[in-house]
Protein backbone atom coordinates (compact mmCIF):
# COMPACT_ATOMS: atom_id res chain seq x y z
CA UNK A 1 6.86 0.83 10.12
CA UNK A 2 8.73 2.03 7.29
CA UNK A 3 6.95 2.93 4.13
CA UNK A 4 8.13 3.41 0.63
CA UNK A 5 6.03 5.92 -1.45
CA UNK A 6 6.72 5.45 -5.08
CA UNK A 7 5.90 8.47 -7.33
CA UNK A 8 6.04 10.14 -11.10
CA UNK A 9 5.12 13.42 -11.55
CA UNK A 10 1.44 12.86 -13.06
CA UNK A 11 -1.84 13.91 -11.23
CA UNK A 12 -2.53 10.57 -10.06
CA UNK A 13 0.76 10.46 -7.91
CA UNK A 14 0.39 14.01 -6.87
CA UNK A 15 -3.16 13.61 -5.38
CA UNK A 16 -2.51 10.36 -3.44
CA UNK A 17 0.33 12.37 -1.15
CA UNK A 18 -2.22 13.30 1.21
CA UNK A 19 -3.67 10.15 1.89
CA UNK A 20 -0.05 8.93 2.28
CA UNK A 21 0.66 11.68 4.62
CA UNK A 22 -2.52 10.52 6.76
CA UNK A 23 -1.65 6.89 6.89
CA UNK A 24 2.05 7.51 7.40
CA UNK A 25 0.90 9.96 10.44
CA UNK A 26 -1.41 7.35 12.02
CA UNK A 27 1.27 4.81 11.72
CA UNK A 28 4.32 6.90 12.66
CA UNK A 29 6.40 5.24 9.66
CA UNK A 30 9.27 6.29 8.19
CA UNK A 31 8.82 7.30 5.09
CA UNK A 32 10.78 7.65 1.66
CA UNK A 33 9.48 9.32 -1.44
CA UNK A 34 10.74 7.68 -4.28
CA UNK A 35 11.27 8.50 -8.07
CA UNK A 36 12.89 6.68 -10.72
CA UNK A 37 14.55 8.10 -14.06
CA UNK A 38 16.78 6.21 -16.63
CA UNK A 39 20.69 5.80 -16.09
CA UNK A 40 22.02 9.53 -16.32
CA UNK A 41 24.97 11.01 -14.93
CA UNK A 42 22.76 14.11 -13.01
CA UNK A 43 19.44 13.93 -11.55
CA UNK A 44 16.48 15.60 -13.58
CA UNK A 45 15.67 18.93 -12.60
CA UNK A 46 11.70 18.02 -12.99
CA UNK A 47 12.25 14.71 -10.83
CA UNK A 48 13.99 17.16 -7.95
CA UNK A 49 11.32 19.74 -8.03
CA UNK A 50 8.48 16.95 -7.94
CA UNK A 51 9.80 15.15 -5.03
CA UNK A 52 10.32 18.84 -3.13
CA UNK A 53 6.98 19.80 -3.94
CA UNK A 54 5.33 16.04 -2.87
CA UNK A 55 7.79 16.53 0.25
CA UNK A 56 5.82 20.12 1.19
CA UNK A 57 2.53 18.81 0.14
CA UNK A 58 3.05 15.62 2.47
CA UNK A 59 4.11 17.93 5.70
CA UNK A 60 1.25 20.34 5.55
CA UNK A 61 -1.03 17.60 5.44
CA UNK A 62 0.42 16.05 8.91
CA UNK A 63 -1.19 17.12 12.31
CA UNK A 64 0.82 19.58 14.32
CA UNK A 65 -0.16 17.30 17.49
CA UNK A 66 2.46 14.80 18.00
CA UNK A 67 4.21 16.12 14.50
CA UNK A 68 6.84 13.21 13.97
CA UNK A 69 8.52 14.66 10.98
CA UNK A 70 11.36 17.52 10.88
CA UNK A 71 10.50 20.77 9.07
CA UNK A 72 13.35 21.31 6.65
CA UNK A 73 14.92 24.77 7.57
CA UNK A 74 16.30 25.07 3.62
CA UNK A 75 15.83 23.82 0.52
CA UNK A 76 17.42 20.19 0.18
CA UNK A 77 20.06 19.36 -2.23
CA UNK A 78 20.83 15.76 -3.73
CA UNK A 79 23.82 14.09 -2.86
CA UNK A 80 24.99 11.17 -5.37
CA UNK A 81 24.63 7.34 -3.65
CA UNK A 82 25.59 4.31 -5.73
CA UNK A 83 22.12 3.39 -6.67
CA UNK A 84 21.18 7.12 -7.70
CA UNK A 85 20.93 10.56 -5.63
CA UNK A 86 19.30 11.19 -2.03
CA UNK A 87 17.91 14.50 -0.75
CA UNK A 88 20.20 15.49 1.99
CA UNK A 89 18.37 16.26 5.15
CA UNK A 90 18.49 19.84 6.61
CA UNK A 91 16.73 18.96 9.92
CA UNK A 92 17.20 16.09 11.83
CA UNK A 93 15.06 16.95 14.70
CA UNK A 94 12.11 14.73 14.00
CA UNK A 95 11.68 11.45 15.74
CA UNK A 96 10.66 9.89 12.62
CA UNK A 97 12.42 10.37 9.03
CA UNK A 98 11.01 11.82 5.58
CA UNK A 99 13.27 11.15 3.18
CA UNK A 100 13.38 11.68 -0.77
CA UNK A 101 15.29 9.84 -3.20
CA UNK A 102 15.85 9.29 -6.91
CA UNK A 103 16.94 5.94 -8.54
CA UNK A 104 18.52 5.11 -11.51
CA UNK A 105 17.13 2.31 -14.20
CA UNK A 106 14.00 0.49 -14.59
CA UNK A 107 11.20 1.54 -12.74
CA UNK A 108 9.72 -1.75 -11.57
CA UNK A 109 13.38 -2.93 -10.67
CA UNK A 110 14.36 -0.26 -8.60
CA UNK A 111 11.01 0.40 -7.02
CA UNK A 112 11.37 -3.54 -5.47
CA UNK A 113 14.86 -3.11 -4.94
CA UNK A 114 14.76 -0.15 -2.81
CA UNK A 115 12.14 -1.55 -0.84
CA UNK A 116 14.27 -4.84 -0.02
CA UNK A 117 17.08 -2.86 0.74
CA UNK A 118 15.35 -0.71 2.99
CA UNK A 119 13.38 -3.56 4.36
CA UNK A 120 9.89 -1.50 3.90
CA UNK A 121 6.71 -2.95 5.40
CA UNK A 122 4.38 -1.28 2.79
CA UNK A 123 4.79 -0.14 -0.57
CA UNK A 124 2.29 2.75 -1.37
CA UNK A 125 2.11 3.49 -5.45
CA UNK A 126 -0.81 5.03 -7.34
CA UNK A 127 -1.83 4.71 -11.18
CA UNK A 128 -3.98 6.42 -13.83
CA UNK A 129 -7.80 6.51 -12.95
CA UNK A 130 -8.92 4.83 -16.15
CA UNK A 131 -6.11 1.51 -16.10
CA UNK A 132 -3.78 1.90 -13.51
CA UNK A 133 -0.67 2.60 -15.28
CA UNK A 134 2.20 4.80 -14.97
CA UNK A 135 2.75 7.40 -17.91
CA UNK A 136 5.52 6.45 -19.99
CA UNK A 137 6.67 3.56 -18.06
CA UNK A 138 6.77 -0.50 -18.71
CA UNK A 139 2.99 -1.88 -18.77
CA UNK A 140 1.15 -2.58 -15.58
CA UNK A 141 3.65 -0.98 -13.57
CA UNK A 142 1.78 -0.61 -10.30
CA UNK A 143 -0.01 -4.06 -11.12
CA UNK A 144 3.68 -5.87 -11.32
CA UNK A 145 4.98 -3.98 -8.10
CA UNK A 146 2.39 -5.33 -5.99
CA UNK A 147 2.70 -8.89 -7.38
CA UNK A 148 6.72 -8.90 -7.63
CA UNK A 149 7.11 -7.14 -4.08
CA UNK A 150 8.26 -8.92 -0.82
CA UNK A 151 6.47 -6.91 1.39
CA UNK A 152 2.53 -5.39 1.41
CA UNK A 153 1.67 -3.53 -1.25
CA UNK A 154 -1.26 -0.28 -1.37
CA UNK A 155 -2.19 0.20 -4.69
CA UNK A 156 -4.09 3.56 -4.74
CA UNK A 157 -7.10 3.73 -7.38
CA UNK A 158 -8.60 6.73 -5.95
CA UNK A 159 -8.84 9.27 -2.98
CA UNK A 160 -12.37 8.99 -2.00
CA UNK A 161 -13.25 7.45 1.39
CA UNK A 162 -13.80 4.15 1.11
CA UNK A 163 -17.38 2.91 3.49
CA UNK A 164 -15.96 -0.99 3.51
CA UNK A 165 -12.75 -2.67 3.42
CA UNK A 166 -13.35 -6.23 2.29
CA UNK A 167 -10.21 -8.52 3.54
CA UNK A 168 -9.44 -11.94 2.43
CA UNK A 169 -7.73 -13.29 5.28
CA UNK A 170 -6.34 -16.73 5.86
CA UNK A 171 -7.08 -17.09 9.44
CA UNK A 172 -4.32 -19.58 10.41
CA UNK A 173 -1.60 -17.73 8.33
CA UNK A 174 -1.98 -14.00 8.67
CA UNK A 175 0.67 -12.00 10.30
CA UNK A 176 0.08 -9.46 13.23
CA UNK A 177 1.59 -7.10 10.87
CA UNK A 178 -0.77 -7.38 8.38
CA UNK A 179 -3.68 -7.43 10.82
CA UNK A 180 -2.40 -4.11 12.27
CA UNK A 181 -2.33 -2.57 8.60
CA UNK A 182 -5.79 -3.32 8.09
CA UNK A 183 -6.43 -1.84 11.27
CA UNK A 184 -5.13 1.54 10.20
CA UNK A 185 -6.41 1.79 7.17
CA UNK A 186 -9.93 1.19 8.28
CA UNK A 187 -9.45 3.55 11.05
CA UNK A 188 -8.03 6.34 8.74
CA UNK A 189 -11.42 5.79 6.30
CA UNK A 190 -13.28 5.40 9.23
CA UNK A 191 -14.72 2.04 7.31
CA UNK A 192 -16.47 -1.14 8.17
CA UNK A 193 -14.62 -4.65 7.72
CA UNK A 194 -15.90 -7.36 6.05
CA UNK A 195 -13.94 -10.27 6.51
CA UNK A 196 -14.26 -13.25 3.81
CA UNK A 197 -14.43 -17.00 5.33
CA UNK A 198 -14.11 -19.80 2.29
CA UNK A 199 -16.44 -22.55 2.37
CA UNK A 200 -16.48 -25.65 0.29
CA UNK A 201 -13.34 -27.95 -1.05
CA UNK A 202 -10.18 -26.77 0.92
CA UNK A 203 -12.07 -24.04 2.38
CA UNK A 204 -14.32 -24.33 5.87
CA UNK A 205 -17.06 -26.51 6.10
CA UNK A 206 -19.63 -24.18 7.37
CA UNK A 207 -20.83 -21.06 9.64
CA UNK A 208 -19.51 -22.94 12.86
CA UNK A 209 -16.33 -23.80 11.63
CA UNK A 210 -15.66 -20.21 10.16
CA UNK A 211 -16.58 -18.58 13.50
CA UNK A 212 -14.42 -20.84 15.22
CA UNK A 213 -11.46 -20.65 13.50
CA UNK A 214 -11.75 -16.78 12.44
CA UNK A 215 -12.95 -16.13 16.20
CA UNK A 216 -9.23 -14.48 16.89
CA UNK A 217 -9.59 -12.00 14.10
CA UNK A 218 -12.69 -10.89 14.86
CA UNK A 219 -12.08 -10.55 18.61
CA UNK A 220 -9.19 -8.48 17.49
CA UNK A 221 -11.18 -6.08 15.66
CA UNK A 222 -13.78 -5.58 17.87
CA UNK A 223 -11.46 -4.71 20.79
CA UNK A 224 -10.33 -2.13 18.58
CA UNK A 225 -13.97 -0.77 18.18
CA UNK A 226 -14.06 -1.88 14.59
CA UNK A 227 -17.23 -3.00 13.30
CA UNK A 228 -16.27 -6.61 11.65
CA UNK A 229 -18.27 -9.29 10.38
CA UNK A 230 -17.57 -12.76 8.64
CA UNK A 231 -19.08 -13.11 5.02
CA UNK A 232 -19.20 -16.87 3.78
CA UNK A 233 -18.05 -17.39 0.10
CA UNK A 234 -17.62 -20.70 -1.81
CA UNK A 235 -13.73 -21.29 -2.65
CA UNK A 236 -15.16 -21.75 -6.41
CA UNK A 237 -16.74 -18.43 -6.66
CA UNK A 238 -13.92 -16.16 -4.92
CA UNK A 239 -12.56 -14.51 -8.00
CA UNK A 240 -15.96 -13.63 -9.10
CA UNK A 241 -16.94 -12.57 -5.90
CA UNK A 242 -13.75 -10.27 -5.25
CA UNK A 243 -14.30 -8.75 -8.67
CA UNK A 244 -17.87 -7.59 -7.77
CA UNK A 245 -17.12 -6.70 -4.09
CA UNK A 246 -14.04 -4.32 -5.74
CA UNK A 247 -17.06 -1.93 -6.49
CA UNK A 248 -17.99 -1.75 -2.69
CA UNK A 249 -14.98 -0.62 -1.19
CA UNK A 250 -11.14 -1.25 -0.75
CA UNK A 251 -10.07 -5.11 -1.11
CA UNK A 252 -7.44 -6.34 0.88
CA UNK A 253 -6.21 -9.94 0.03
CA UNK A 254 -3.42 -11.93 2.41
CA UNK A 255 -1.09 -13.36 -0.04
CA UNK A 256 1.66 -14.33 1.96
CA UNK A 257 3.56 -17.73 0.90
CA UNK A 258 1.22 -20.19 2.91
CA UNK A 259 -1.84 -18.36 2.27
CA UNK A 260 -4.63 -20.30 0.95
CA UNK A 261 -5.53 -17.23 -1.12
CA UNK A 262 -2.66 -17.64 -2.65
CA UNK A 263 -3.15 -21.02 -3.67
CA UNK A 264 -6.86 -20.52 -4.74
CA UNK A 265 -6.01 -17.33 -7.07
CA UNK A 266 -4.98 -17.63 -10.58
CA UNK A 267 -1.60 -16.33 -11.20
CA UNK A 268 -2.79 -13.14 -12.70
CA UNK A 269 -5.56 -12.29 -10.43
CA UNK A 270 -3.45 -9.56 -8.73
CA UNK A 271 -3.03 -7.87 -12.26
CA UNK A 272 -6.81 -8.22 -13.06
CA UNK A 273 -7.92 -7.13 -9.82
CA UNK A 274 -5.84 -4.06 -9.74
CA UNK A 275 -6.56 -2.96 -13.45
CA UNK A 276 -10.21 -3.39 -12.81
CA UNK A 277 -10.97 -2.62 -9.23
CA UNK A 278 -12.96 0.76 -8.78
CA UNK A 279 -11.07 1.24 -5.16
CA UNK A 280 -7.70 1.03 -3.82
CA UNK A 281 -6.25 -2.48 -3.37
CA UNK A 282 -4.18 -3.59 -0.36
CA UNK A 283 -1.80 -7.04 -1.20
CA UNK A 284 -0.52 -8.48 2.24
CA UNK A 285 2.50 -10.12 2.60
């Protein structure tokens, strides 16, 4: 698994490092900590210092048992690349990589492009607690990253442990990778899993139909000792239901190209959901 953690130097990014570290350790992921600065000839000292500090914090939150990341043997220096600067690895003994990088340009473009070039499985990004913005950056940056990325995106809205994850999962289309990503997030938070089953036009006809179609998903999670159950929702009431459910726990929505949820949601649902949700939001692709 490859995780791209997009950060700035604000408290909402700093407070998310520990959660990202635990998720990464649980999935044994290769991780890149990325920040973006306007096109300049040299990396900004503040951004260099921020990445170095976040990397130290990240490593402090990884268990020593089965430690997958190498401990740096000295201060990492940045070397120039075509798109920015890369922290030179001073120790390569870890079985998984932990990289720090600065890209030049527009934050939205550079974050999504880095994820694309790395073939990232997951982008993680946090925003201010009030409206999920990035200070000094383009409006609605975390929301626009979640909308425009080619991979899954986790927008961290808070660092408290959620008791429930509400999953809008298209039983006929969801990928194995997305099922596993939910598994890891539920396990990390020690949360229950509530799976939304759609009824009504374009949805499933009734409880028996839902349970039949979604039996494989339930079996998958039950086999992993995850408490999971189905909640039926009329598809015409889906947006209203999710808006209310965001106060209950983390929202995970399967938004692959063929997903029924992508077809049913209004175009700006992702932005509205992320900006108004009181919990973190996982957009799955």
